[in-house]
């Protein structure tokens, strides 16, 4: 899309960096923005030499100024794992509230279409399974996970308010568990934790009895879903994720098989407010976007393991000793 300009916040993060790649490859002029509180410039340094990419080290919770026209804004700035938002709860709330407000204001000024990255965490510990977009959730606003859950719920509310009151072109994606290359080494999620433990020859840690479920979507599939939603005419929230559900115990066993490790699986007490199940209903994504995941978990895990294995042994030591549950 020669001449089209897109701002991507959270550009140096796991998802943001893959989105930068996609839009650069499509011919857009990409403006990446990140304050690097959880992002890493290594994820996007290969883009710095390109004429159609520029980067700003900026906190979107502060006023955002971009010169020239903007066609699209993708708001992906936010800590996204328990280990982050439990460590920086105020910043998590601010980027969901003030950061979203600033991005919406910029979109209105530039007459740009904006897509905001919400999450399956808005459903909390769901009482409905699988989760449809019409489900309102079961969230504890004052629990340890509330800073993230409620930040995203507010993000959706203010985005819809700008859509209905100002007529702004808005899109809302609810992202379910995603994995792939460039996941942060120490972000506390199950996949890097399991692989890190296996690479170091340590037992794999599972919380509870391992019966809680997650649905893992490979990052390339997610990026395709995001792109299709942005280009659609649909303004209500849409689930994007892989409905192929698996228990964490079975997932740990898949990782052991993948890595060829002979270590054991050990079990610890389940944390507070840990969601017992996660599975997206993707009927809307199929019908409205013509989207469904194409990459099987076995293939996605193989690619992701190759990425982690390519890291140095010094970097293996940075992989988490165990995951923080919930993700």
C-alpha atoms as a PDB file:
ATOM      1  CA  UNK A   1       0.000   0.000   0.000  1.00  0.00           C
ATOM      2  CA  UNK A   2       2.383   2.660  -1.242  1.00  0.00           C
ATOM      3  CA  UNK A   3       1.793   5.975   0.480  1.00  0.00           C
ATOM      4  CA  UNK A   4      -0.379   4.548   3.278  1.00  0.00           C
ATOM      5  CA  UNK A   5       0.954   5.308   6.758  1.00  0.00           C
ATOM      6  CA  UNK A   6       0.342   3.212   9.870  1.00  0.00           C
ATOM      7  CA  UNK A   7       1.288   3.800  13.507  1.00  0.00           C
ATOM      8  CA  UNK A   8       1.930   0.660  15.552  1.00  0.00           C
ATOM      9  CA  UNK A   9       2.266   1.137  19.315  1.00  0.00           C
ATOM     10  CA  UNK A  10       4.091  -1.538  21.283  1.00  0.00           C
ATOM     11  CA  UNK A  11       6.160  -1.987  18.131  1.00  0.00           C
ATOM     12  CA  UNK A  12       9.164  -3.589  19.840  1.00  0.00           C
ATOM     13  CA  UNK A  13       7.071  -6.211  21.583  1.00  0.00           C
ATOM     14  CA  UNK A  14       6.306  -9.775  20.536  1.00  0.00           C
ATOM     15  CA  UNK A  15       3.122  -9.060  18.584  1.00  0.00           C
ATOM     16  CA  UNK A  16       3.967  -5.473  17.660  1.00  0.00           C
ATOM     17  CA  UNK A  17       7.209  -6.468  15.953  1.00  0.00           C
ATOM     18  CA  UNK A  18       5.483  -9.124  13.844  1.00  0.00           C
ATOM     19  CA  UNK A  19       2.872  -6.543  12.848  1.00  0.00           C
ATOM     20  CA  UNK A  20       5.644  -4.130  11.826  1.00  0.00           C
ATOM     21  CA  UNK A  21       7.075  -6.861   9.598  1.00  0.00           C
ATOM     22  CA  UNK A  22       3.691  -7.547   8.001  1.00  0.00           C
ATOM     23  CA  UNK A  23       2.879  -3.924   7.212  1.00  0.00           C
ATOM     24  CA  UNK A  24       6.406  -3.159   5.973  1.00  0.00           C
ATOM     25  CA  UNK A  25       6.180  -6.177   3.657  1.00  0.00           C
ATOM     26  CA  UNK A  26       2.802  -4.937   2.411  1.00  0.00           C
ATOM     27  CA  UNK A  27       4.423  -1.645   1.388  1.00  0.00           C
ATOM     28  CA  UNK A  28       3.045   0.612   4.127  1.00  0.00           C
ATOM     29  CA  UNK A  29       5.112   3.331   5.748  1.00  0.00           C
ATOM     30  CA  UNK A  30       5.296   2.052   9.312  1.00  0.00           C
ATOM     31  CA  UNK A  31       5.827   4.275  12.343  1.00  0.00           C
ATOM     32  CA  UNK A  32       6.753   2.114  15.316  1.00  0.00           C
ATOM     33  CA  UNK A  33       6.353   3.465  18.848  1.00  0.00           C
ATOM     34  CA  UNK A  34       7.428   1.843  22.123  1.00  0.00           C
ATOM     35  CA  UNK A  35       8.800   3.016  25.468  1.00  0.00           C
ATOM     36  CA  UNK A  36      10.715  -0.293  25.768  1.00  0.00           C
ATOM     37  CA  UNK A  37       9.410  -1.017  29.273  1.00  0.00           C
ATOM     38  CA  UNK A  38       8.800  -4.593  28.109  1.00  0.00           C
ATOM     39  CA  UNK A  39       9.706  -4.338  24.405  1.00  0.00           C
ATOM     40  CA  UNK A  40      13.128  -5.062  22.917  1.00  0.00           C
ATOM     41  CA  UNK A  41      14.742  -3.218  20.010  1.00  0.00           C
ATOM     42  CA  UNK A  42      16.268  -6.518  18.864  1.00  0.00           C
ATOM     43  CA  UNK A  43      12.808  -7.457  17.594  1.00  0.00           C
ATOM     44  CA  UNK A  44      12.760  -4.617  15.060  1.00  0.00           C
ATOM     45  CA  UNK A  45      16.404  -3.667  14.471  1.00  0.00           C
ATOM     46  CA  UNK A  46      16.303  -5.443  11.102  1.00  0.00           C
ATOM     47  CA  UNK A  47      13.784  -2.784   9.980  1.00  0.00           C
ATOM     48  CA  UNK A  48      15.873   0.285  10.874  1.00  0.00           C
ATOM     49  CA  UNK A  49      17.686   0.329   7.544  1.00  0.00           C
ATOM     50  CA  UNK A  50      14.433   0.539   5.576  1.00  0.00           C
ATOM     51  CA  UNK A  51      13.072   3.790   4.151  1.00  0.00           C
ATOM     52  CA  UNK A  52       9.486   2.878   5.004  1.00  0.00           C
ATOM     53  CA  UNK A  53      10.090   2.311   8.714  1.00  0.00           C
ATOM     54  CA  UNK A  54      10.745   4.772  11.516  1.00  0.00           C
ATOM     55  CA  UNK A  55      10.793   4.332  15.281  1.00  0.00           C
ATOM     56  CA  UNK A  56       9.974   6.597  18.226  1.00  0.00           C
ATOM     57  CA  UNK A  57      10.891   5.762  21.813  1.00  0.00           C
ATOM     58  CA  UNK A  58       7.783   7.186  23.472  1.00  0.00           C
ATOM     59  CA  UNK A  59       5.276   6.320  26.199  1.00  0.00           C
ATOM     60  CA  UNK A  60       1.779   6.479  24.698  1.00  0.00           C
ATOM     61  CA  UNK A  61       0.398   7.350  28.136  1.00  0.00           C
ATOM     62  CA  UNK A  62       1.855  10.773  27.367  1.00  0.00           C
ATOM     63  CA  UNK A  63       0.587  13.044  24.569  1.00  0.00           C
ATOM     64  CA  UNK A  64       1.331  11.599  21.110  1.00  0.00           C
ATOM     65  CA  UNK A  65       2.389  13.787  18.207  1.00  0.00           C
ATOM     66  CA  UNK A  66       2.872  12.388  14.699  1.00  0.00           C
ATOM     67  CA  UNK A  67       3.600  14.692  11.777  1.00  0.00           C
ATOM     68  CA  UNK A  68       1.761  14.178   8.507  1.00  0.00           C
ATOM     69  CA  UNK A  69      -1.144  11.961   7.597  1.00  0.00           C
ATOM     70  CA  UNK A  70      -2.037   8.671   9.224  1.00  0.00           C
ATOM     71  CA  UNK A  71      -4.301   6.065   7.688  1.00  0.00           C
ATOM     72  CA  UNK A  72      -4.287   3.431  10.428  1.00  0.00           C
ATOM     73  CA  UNK A  73      -3.351   3.061  14.098  1.00  0.00           C
ATOM     74  CA  UNK A  74      -2.801  -0.319  15.758  1.00  0.00           C
ATOM     75  CA  UNK A  75      -2.675   0.091  19.539  1.00  0.00           C
ATOM     76  CA  UNK A  76      -0.670  -2.823  20.957  1.00  0.00           C
ATOM     77  CA  UNK A  77       1.221  -1.035  23.724  1.00  0.00           C
ATOM     78  CA  UNK A  78       0.672  -2.859  27.011  1.00  0.00           C
ATOM     79  CA  UNK A  79       2.376  -5.286  29.320  1.00  0.00           C
ATOM     80  CA  UNK A  80       0.797  -8.613  28.416  1.00  0.00           C
ATOM     81  CA  UNK A  81       1.949 -11.237  30.891  1.00  0.00           C
ATOM     82  CA  UNK A  82       1.335 -11.727  34.623  1.00  0.00           C
ATOM     83  CA  UNK A  83       5.005 -11.298  35.488  1.00  0.00           C
ATOM     84  CA  UNK A  84       4.875  -7.815  33.913  1.00  0.00           C
ATOM     85  CA  UNK A  85       1.559  -6.413  35.033  1.00  0.00           C
ATOM     86  CA  UNK A  86       2.007  -7.653  38.602  1.00  0.00           C
ATOM     87  CA  UNK A  87       5.363  -5.841  38.661  1.00  0.00           C
ATOM     88  CA  UNK A  88       4.151  -2.623  36.991  1.00  0.00           C
ATOM     89  CA  UNK A  89       0.420  -2.432  37.777  1.00  0.00           C
ATOM     90  CA  UNK A  90       0.086   1.361  37.546  1.00  0.00           C
ATOM     91  CA  UNK A  91       1.762   1.543  34.124  1.00  0.00           C
ATOM     92  CA  UNK A  92      -0.479  -1.298  32.951  1.00  0.00           C
ATOM     93  CA  UNK A  93      -3.607   0.605  33.947  1.00  0.00           C
ATOM     94  CA  UNK A  94      -2.298   3.858  32.475  1.00  0.00           C
ATOM     95  CA  UNK A  95      -1.463   2.414  29.055  1.00  0.00           C
ATOM     96  CA  UNK A  96      -4.900   0.814  28.883  1.00  0.00           C
ATOM     97  CA  UNK A  97      -6.665   4.016  29.909  1.00  0.00           C
ATOM     98  CA  UNK A  98      -4.532   7.102  29.136  1.00  0.00           C
ATOM     99  CA  UNK A  99      -2.653   5.391  26.295  1.00  0.00           C
ATOM    100  CA  UNK A 100      -5.850   4.306  24.591  1.00  0.00           C
ATOM    101  CA  UNK A 101      -7.378   7.769  25.089  1.00  0.00           C
ATOM    102  CA  UNK A 102      -4.334   9.373  23.462  1.00  0.00           C
ATOM    103  CA  UNK A 103      -4.409   6.956  20.523  1.00  0.00           C
ATOM    104  CA  UNK A 104      -8.125   7.540  19.986  1.00  0.00           C
ATOM    105  CA  UNK A 105      -7.593  11.297  20.095  1.00  0.00           C
ATOM    106  CA  UNK A 106      -4.820  10.990  17.514  1.00  0.00           C
ATOM    107  CA  UNK A 107      -7.028   8.808  15.314  1.00  0.00           C
ATOM    108  CA  UNK A 108      -9.775  11.398  15.486  1.00  0.00           C
ATOM    109  CA  UNK A 109      -7.358  14.213  14.639  1.00  0.00           C
ATOM    110  CA  UNK A 110      -5.896  12.307  11.680  1.00  0.00           C
ATOM    111  CA  UNK A 111      -9.218  10.744  10.586  1.00  0.00           C
ATOM    112  CA  UNK A 112      -7.469   7.379  10.851  1.00  0.00           C
ATOM    113  CA  UNK A 113      -8.993   3.957  11.441  1.00  0.00           C
ATOM    114  CA  UNK A 114      -7.830   2.467  14.753  1.00  0.00           C
ATOM    115  CA  UNK A 115      -7.625  -1.134  15.912  1.00  0.00           C
ATOM    116  CA  UNK A 116      -7.123  -1.746  19.632  1.00  0.00           C
ATOM    117  CA  UNK A 117      -5.698  -4.953  21.065  1.00  0.00           C
ATOM    118  CA  UNK A 118      -7.976  -6.347  23.728  1.00  0.00           C
ATOM    119  CA  UNK A 119      -7.663  -9.818  25.184  1.00  0.00           C
ATOM    120  CA  UNK A 120      -9.460 -12.972  26.234  1.00  0.00           C
ATOM    121  CA  UNK A 121      -8.705 -11.821  29.786  1.00  0.00           C
ATOM    122  CA  UNK A 122     -11.788  -9.575  29.574  1.00  0.00           C
ATOM    123  CA  UNK A 123     -13.735 -12.820  30.095  1.00  0.00           C
ATOM    124  CA  UNK A 124     -11.915 -13.438  33.396  1.00  0.00           C
ATOM    125  CA  UNK A 125     -12.398 -16.950  34.749  1.00  0.00           C
ATOM    126  CA  UNK A 126     -15.239 -17.730  32.338  1.00  0.00           C
ATOM    127  CA  UNK A 127     -18.510 -19.358  33.311  1.00  0.00           C
ATOM    128  CA  UNK A 128     -19.343 -19.830  29.613  1.00  0.00           C
ATOM    129  CA  UNK A 129     -17.349 -22.195  27.409  1.00  0.00           C
ATOM    130  CA  UNK A 130     -16.202 -21.629  24.728  1.00  0.00           C
ATOM    131  CA  UNK A 131     -16.245 -17.855  25.021  1.00  0.00           C
ATOM    132  CA  UNK A 132     -18.298 -15.873  22.519  1.00  0.00           C
ATOM    133  CA  UNK A 133     -18.003 -12.127  22.037  1.00  0.00           C
ATOM    134  CA  UNK A 134     -21.431 -11.679  23.673  1.00  0.00           C
ATOM    135  CA  UNK A 135     -20.221 -13.112  27.002  1.00  0.00           C
ATOM    136  CA  UNK A 136     -19.674 -10.318  29.550  1.00  0.00           C
ATOM    137  CA  UNK A 137     -17.107 -12.128  31.652  1.00  0.00           C
ATOM    138  CA  UNK A 138     -16.429 -13.128  35.249  1.00  0.00           C
ATOM    139  CA  UNK A 139     -13.727 -10.707  36.405  1.00  0.00           C
ATOM    140  CA  UNK A 140     -12.457  -9.759  39.863  1.00  0.00           C
ATOM    141  CA  UNK A 141     -11.661  -6.021  39.554  1.00  0.00           C
ATOM    142  CA  UNK A 142      -9.653  -5.905  42.807  1.00  0.00           C
ATOM    143  CA  UNK A 143      -7.777  -9.199  42.412  1.00  0.00           C
ATOM    144  CA  UNK A 144      -4.110  -9.372  41.374  1.00  0.00           C
ATOM    145  CA  UNK A 145      -5.061  -9.758  37.704  1.00  0.00           C
ATOM    146  CA  UNK A 146      -7.593  -6.914  37.788  1.00  0.00           C
ATOM    147  CA  UNK A 147      -5.079  -4.275  36.693  1.00  0.00           C
ATOM    148  CA  UNK A 148      -4.767  -5.981  33.309  1.00  0.00           C
ATOM    149  CA  UNK A 149      -8.313  -7.276  32.923  1.00  0.00           C
ATOM    150  CA  UNK A 150      -9.970  -3.974  33.784  1.00  0.00           C
ATOM    151  CA  UNK A 151      -7.491  -1.926  31.737  1.00  0.00           C
ATOM    152  CA  UNK A 152      -8.536  -3.909  28.676  1.00  0.00           C
ATOM    153  CA  UNK A 153     -12.241  -3.718  29.540  1.00  0.00           C
ATOM    154  CA  UNK A 154     -11.917   0.073  29.838  1.00  0.00           C
ATOM    155  CA  UNK A 155     -10.030   0.111  26.534  1.00  0.00           C
ATOM    156  CA  UNK A 156     -12.991  -1.524  24.830  1.00  0.00           C
ATOM    157  CA  UNK A 157     -15.480   0.843  26.485  1.00  0.00           C
ATOM    158  CA  UNK A 158     -13.713   4.065  25.542  1.00  0.00           C
ATOM    159  CA  UNK A 159     -13.081   2.771  22.013  1.00  0.00           C
ATOM    160  CA  UNK A 160     -16.783   2.098  21.521  1.00  0.00           C
ATOM    161  CA  UNK A 161     -17.595   5.521  23.012  1.00  0.00           C
ATOM    162  CA  UNK A 162     -15.379   7.202  20.396  1.00  0.00           C
ATOM    163  CA  UNK A 163     -17.032   5.082  17.724  1.00  0.00           C
ATOM    164  CA  UNK A 164     -20.602   5.917  18.726  1.00  0.00           C
ATOM    165  CA  UNK A 165     -20.104   9.534  19.865  1.00  0.00           C
ATOM    166  CA  UNK A 166     -17.468  10.757  17.381  1.00  0.00           C
ATOM    167  CA  UNK A 167     -18.160   8.354  14.510  1.00  0.00           C
ATOM    168  CA  UNK A 168     -14.545   7.153  14.620  1.00  0.00           C
ATOM    169  CA  UNK A 169     -13.667   4.059  12.588  1.00  0.00           C
ATOM    170  CA  UNK A 170     -12.701   1.555  15.274  1.00  0.00           C
ATOM    171  CA  UNK A 171     -11.879  -2.150  15.417  1.00  0.00           C
ATOM    172  CA  UNK A 172     -11.525  -4.288  18.578  1.00  0.00           C
ATOM    173  CA  UNK A 173      -9.690  -7.601  18.627  1.00  0.00           C
ATOM    174  CA  UNK A 174      -9.833  -9.997  21.570  1.00  0.00           C
ATOM    175  CA  UNK A 175      -6.597 -11.963  21.436  1.00  0.00           C
ATOM    176  CA  UNK A 176      -6.335 -15.444  22.922  1.00  0.00           C
ATOM    177  CA  UNK A 177      -3.088 -17.184  23.882  1.00  0.00           C
ATOM    178  CA  UNK A 178      -0.506 -16.639  21.152  1.00  0.00           C
ATOM    179  CA  UNK A 179       3.003 -18.027  20.747  1.00  0.00           C
ATOM    180  CA  UNK A 180       5.915 -17.966  18.343  1.00  0.00           C
ATOM    181  CA  UNK A 181       9.414 -16.550  17.773  1.00  0.00           C
ATOM    182  CA  UNK A 182      10.293 -13.364  19.712  1.00  0.00           C
ATOM    183  CA  UNK A 183       8.294 -14.283  22.772  1.00  0.00           C
ATOM    184  CA  UNK A 184      10.079 -12.664  25.681  1.00  0.00           C
ATOM    185  CA  UNK A 185      12.493 -14.949  27.447  1.00  0.00           C
ATOM    186  CA  UNK A 186      11.227 -14.069  30.921  1.00  0.00           C
ATOM    187  CA  UNK A 187       7.606 -13.078  30.374  1.00  0.00           C
ATOM    188  CA  UNK A 188       6.244 -15.784  32.631  1.00  0.00           C
ATOM    189  CA  UNK A 189       4.121 -17.637  30.069  1.00  0.00           C
ATOM    190  CA  UNK A 190       3.819 -21.396  29.897  1.00  0.00           C
ATOM    191  CA  UNK A 191       5.566 -21.992  26.571  1.00  0.00           C
ATOM    192  CA  UNK A 192       8.892 -20.193  27.158  1.00  0.00           C
ATOM    193  CA  UNK A 193       8.914 -21.503  30.731  1.00  0.00           C
ATOM    194  CA  UNK A 194       8.383 -25.123  29.678  1.00  0.00           C
ATOM    195  CA  UNK A 195      10.954 -24.900  26.876  1.00  0.00           C
ATOM    196  CA  UNK A 196      13.451 -23.121  29.142  1.00  0.00           C
ATOM    197  CA  UNK A 197      13.098 -25.795  31.815  1.00  0.00           C
ATOM    198  CA  UNK A 198      13.506 -28.546  29.217  1.00  0.00           C
ATOM    199  CA  UNK A 199      16.588 -26.901  27.676  1.00  0.00           C
ATOM    200  CA  UNK A 200      18.185 -26.595  31.119  1.00  0.00           C
ATOM    201  CA  UNK A 201      17.268 -30.173  32.068  1.00  0.00           C
ATOM    202  CA  UNK A 202      14.895 -29.045  34.828  1.00  0.00           C
ATOM    203  CA  UNK A 203      11.525 -30.535  35.732  1.00  0.00           C
ATOM    204  CA  UNK A 204       8.534 -28.801  34.120  1.00  0.00           C
ATOM    205  CA  UNK A 205       6.315 -26.944  36.590  1.00  0.00           C
ATOM    206  CA  UNK A 206       2.543 -27.106  36.207  1.00  0.00           C
ATOM    207  CA  UNK A 207       0.127 -25.342  38.569  1.00  0.00           C
ATOM    208  CA  UNK A 208      -2.852 -27.128  40.088  1.00  0.00           C
ATOM    209  CA  UNK A 209      -3.499 -30.558  38.615  1.00  0.00           C
ATOM    210  CA  UNK A 210      -2.832 -29.299  35.076  1.00  0.00           C
ATOM    211  CA  UNK A 211      -6.435 -29.722  33.990  1.00  0.00           C
ATOM    212  CA  UNK A 212      -6.892 -26.009  33.276  1.00  0.00           C
ATOM    213  CA  UNK A 213      -6.998 -25.417  29.545  1.00  0.00           C
ATOM    214  CA  UNK A 214      -5.566 -22.931  27.069  1.00  0.00           C
ATOM    215  CA  UNK A 215      -5.926 -22.523  23.301  1.00  0.00           C
ATOM    216  CA  UNK A 216      -2.661 -21.591  21.592  1.00  0.00           C
ATOM    217  CA  UNK A 217      -2.570 -19.654  18.306  1.00  0.00           C
ATOM    218  CA  UNK A 218       0.620 -19.315  16.249  1.00  0.00           C
ATOM    219  CA  UNK A 219       1.672 -15.703  15.739  1.00  0.00           C
ATOM    220  CA  UNK A 220       1.483 -15.755  11.917  1.00  0.00           C
ATOM    221  CA  UNK A 221      -2.159 -16.812  12.096  1.00  0.00           C
ATOM    222  CA  UNK A 222      -2.906 -14.079  14.606  1.00  0.00           C
ATOM    223  CA  UNK A 223      -1.272 -11.384  12.461  1.00  0.00           C
ATOM    224  CA  UNK A 224      -3.379 -12.474   9.496  1.00  0.00           C
ATOM    225  CA  UNK A 225      -6.518 -12.196  11.626  1.00  0.00           C
ATOM    226  CA  UNK A 226      -5.518  -8.737  12.826  1.00  0.00           C
ATOM    227  CA  UNK A 227      -4.905  -7.564   9.283  1.00  0.00           C
ATOM    228  CA  UNK A 228      -8.255  -8.866   8.078  1.00  0.00           C
ATOM    229  CA  UNK A 229     -10.116  -7.267  10.977  1.00  0.00           C
ATOM    230  CA  UNK A 230      -8.433  -3.903  10.380  1.00  0.00           C
ATOM    231  CA  UNK A 231      -9.495  -4.002   6.732  1.00  0.00           C
ATOM    232  CA  UNK A 232     -13.042  -5.118   7.521  1.00  0.00           C
ATOM    233  CA  UNK A 233     -16.135  -2.992   8.130  1.00  0.00           C
ATOM    234  CA  UNK A 234     -16.925  -4.585  11.503  1.00  0.00           C
ATOM    235  CA  UNK A 235     -16.678  -2.413  14.630  1.00  0.00           C
ATOM    236  CA  UNK A 236     -17.709  -4.812  17.418  1.00  0.00           C
ATOM    237  CA  UNK A 237     -15.177  -7.047  19.223  1.00  0.00           C
ATOM    238  CA  UNK A 238     -13.934 -10.153  17.424  1.00  0.00           C
ATOM    239  CA  UNK A 239     -12.194 -13.159  18.997  1.00  0.00           C
ATOM    240  CA  UNK A 240      -8.995 -14.178  17.237  1.00  0.00           C
ATOM    241  CA  UNK A 241      -7.399 -17.375  18.487  1.00  0.00           C
ATOM    242  CA  UNK A 242      -7.080 -21.069  17.893  1.00  0.00           C
ATOM    243  CA  UNK A 243     -10.037 -23.063  19.293  1.00  0.00           C
ATOM    244  CA  UNK A 244      -7.898 -26.228  19.529  1.00  0.00           C
ATOM    245  CA  UNK A 245      -8.020 -26.485  23.327  1.00  0.00           C
ATOM    246  CA  UNK A 246      -5.454 -28.399  25.399  1.00  0.00           C
ATOM    247  CA  UNK A 247      -4.846 -28.902  29.112  1.00  0.00           C
ATOM    248  CA  UNK A 248      -1.618 -27.498  30.525  1.00  0.00           C
ATOM    249  CA  UNK A 249      -0.609 -31.010  31.622  1.00  0.00           C
ATOM    250  CA  UNK A 250      -0.970 -32.303  28.060  1.00  0.00           C
ATOM    251  CA  UNK A 251       0.776 -29.192  26.731  1.00  0.00           C
ATOM    252  CA  UNK A 252       3.740 -29.825  29.038  1.00  0.00           C
ATOM    253  CA  UNK A 253       3.887 -33.408  27.755  1.00  0.00           C
ATOM    254  CA  UNK A 254       3.902 -32.131  24.146  1.00  0.00           C
ATOM    255  CA  UNK A 255       6.859 -29.885  24.993  1.00  0.00           C
ATOM    256  CA  UNK A 256       8.702 -32.830  26.559  1.00  0.00           C
ATOM    257  CA  UNK A 257       8.110 -34.890  23.424  1.00  0.00           C
ATOM    258  CA  UNK A 258       9.208 -32.010  21.186  1.00  0.00           C
ATOM    259  CA  UNK A 259      12.422 -31.364  23.099  1.00  0.00           C
ATOM    260  CA  UNK A 260      13.253 -35.017  23.723  1.00  0.00           C
ATOM    261  CA  UNK A 261      13.794 -34.218  27.378  1.00  0.00           C
ATOM    262  CA  UNK A 262      13.503 -36.954  30.023  1.00  0.00           C
ATOM    263  CA  UNK A 263      12.691 -34.633  32.942  1.00  0.00           C
ATOM    264  CA  UNK A 264       9.475 -34.961  34.954  1.00  0.00           C
ATOM    265  CA  UNK A 265       6.380 -32.791  35.325  1.00  0.00           C
ATOM    266  CA  UNK A 266       5.896 -31.465  38.867  1.00  0.00           C
ATOM    267  CA  UNK A 267       2.815 -29.739  40.283  1.00  0.00           C
ATOM    268  CA  UNK A 268       2.373 -26.636  42.472  1.00  0.00           C
ATOM    269  CA  UNK A 269      -0.578 -24.841  44.056  1.00  0.00           C
ATOM    270  CA  UNK A 270      -2.888 -22.993  41.656  1.00  0.00           C
ATOM    271  CA  UNK A 271      -2.618 -19.179  42.014  1.00  0.00           C
ATOM    272  CA  UNK A 272      -5.506 -16.817  42.857  1.00  0.00           C
ATOM    273  CA  UNK A 273      -7.988 -16.045  40.032  1.00  0.00           C
ATOM    274  CA  UNK A 274      -6.269 -18.387  37.593  1.00  0.00           C
ATOM    275  CA  UNK A 275      -8.660 -19.012  34.668  1.00  0.00           C
ATOM    276  CA  UNK A 276      -9.682 -22.682  34.551  1.00  0.00           C
ATOM    277  CA  UNK A 277     -10.444 -22.698  30.849  1.00  0.00           C
ATOM    278  CA  UNK A 278      -9.774 -20.679  27.722  1.00  0.00           C
ATOM    279  CA  UNK A 279     -11.218 -21.427  24.304  1.00  0.00           C
ATOM    280  CA  UNK A 280     -12.357 -18.887  21.719  1.00  0.00           C
ATOM    281  CA  UNK A 281     -15.549 -19.196  19.756  1.00  0.00           C
ATOM    282  CA  UNK A 282     -14.312 -17.937  16.371  1.00  0.00           C
ATOM    283  CA  UNK A 283     -17.622 -18.080  14.503  1.00  0.00           C
ATOM    284  CA  UNK A 284     -17.542 -14.313  13.892  1.00  0.00           C
ATOM    285  CA  UNK A 285     -13.952 -14.408  12.613  1.00  0.00           C
ATOM    286  CA  UNK A 286     -14.884 -17.171  10.186  1.00  0.00           C
ATOM    287  CA  UNK A 287     -18.094 -15.541   8.944  1.00  0.00           C
ATOM    288  CA  UNK A 288     -17.029 -11.870   8.879  1.00  0.00           C
ATOM    289  CA  UNK A 289     -13.316 -12.131   8.100  1.00  0.00           C
ATOM    290  CA  UNK A 290     -13.083 -15.497   6.374  1.00  0.00           C
ATOM    291  CA  UNK A 291     -10.369 -16.292   8.919  1.00  0.00           C
ATOM    292  CA  UNK A 292      -9.425 -19.413  10.780  1.00  0.00           C
ATOM    293  CA  UNK A 293      -6.013 -20.595  11.987  1.00  0.00           C
ATOM    294  CA  UNK A 294      -3.978 -22.488   9.412  1.00  0.00           C
ATOM    295  CA  UNK A 295      -0.881 -23.582  11.354  1.00  0.00           C
ATOM    296  CA  UNK A 296      -1.232 -26.721  13.468  1.00  0.00           C
ATOM    297  CA  UNK A 297       0.166 -26.620  16.985  1.00  0.00           C
ATOM    298  CA  UNK A 298       2.772 -29.299  16.207  1.00  0.00           C
ATOM    299  CA  UNK A 299       4.210 -27.156  13.397  1.00  0.00           C
ATOM    300  CA  UNK A 300       4.013 -23.938  15.392  1.00  0.00           C
ATOM    301  CA  UNK A 301       5.752 -25.525  18.379  1.00  0.00           C
ATOM    302  CA  UNK A 302       8.486 -26.871  16.093  1.00  0.00           C
ATOM    303  CA  UNK A 303       9.162 -23.358  14.721  1.00  0.00           C
ATOM    304  CA  UNK A 304       9.077 -21.791  18.182  1.00  0.00           C
ATOM    305  CA  UNK A 305      11.379 -24.406  19.682  1.00  0.00           C
ATOM    306  CA  UNK A 306      13.854 -23.820  16.845  1.00  0.00           C
ATOM    307  CA  UNK A 307      13.846 -20.112  17.764  1.00  0.00           C
ATOM    308  CA  UNK A 308      14.509 -20.722  21.465  1.00  0.00           C
ATOM    309  CA  UNK A 309      17.095 -23.387  20.716  1.00  0.00           C
ATOM    310  CA  UNK A 310      18.968 -20.929  18.459  1.00  0.00           C
ATOM    311  CA  UNK A 311      19.531 -18.628  21.419  1.00  0.00           C
ATOM    312  CA  UNK A 312      22.771 -18.823  23.364  1.00  0.00           C
ATOM    313  CA  UNK A 313      22.995 -20.918  26.525  1.00  0.00           C
ATOM    314  CA  UNK A 314      23.432 -17.666  28.435  1.00  0.00           C
ATOM    315  CA  UNK A 315      20.027 -16.607  27.138  1.00  0.00           C
ATOM    316  CA  UNK A 316      18.525 -19.978  28.101  1.00  0.00           C
ATOM    317  CA  UNK A 317      19.307 -19.059  31.700  1.00  0.00           C
ATOM    318  CA  UNK A 318      17.023 -16.035  31.337  1.00  0.00           C
ATOM    319  CA  UNK A 319      14.050 -18.205  30.464  1.00  0.00           C
ATOM    320  CA  UNK A 320      11.689 -18.405  33.452  1.00  0.00           C
ATOM    321  CA  UNK A 321      12.139 -21.111  36.084  1.00  0.00           C
ATOM    322  CA  UNK A 322       8.398 -21.639  35.957  1.00  0.00           C
ATOM    323  CA  UNK A 323       5.457 -19.918  34.372  1.00  0.00           C
ATOM    324  CA  UNK A 324       3.281 -17.447  36.267  1.00  0.00           C
ATOM    325  CA  UNK A 325       0.090 -19.276  35.311  1.00  0.00           C
ATOM    326  CA  UNK A 326      -2.912 -17.550  33.810  1.00  0.00           C
ATOM    327  CA  UNK A 327      -1.297 -17.270  30.356  1.00  0.00           C
END
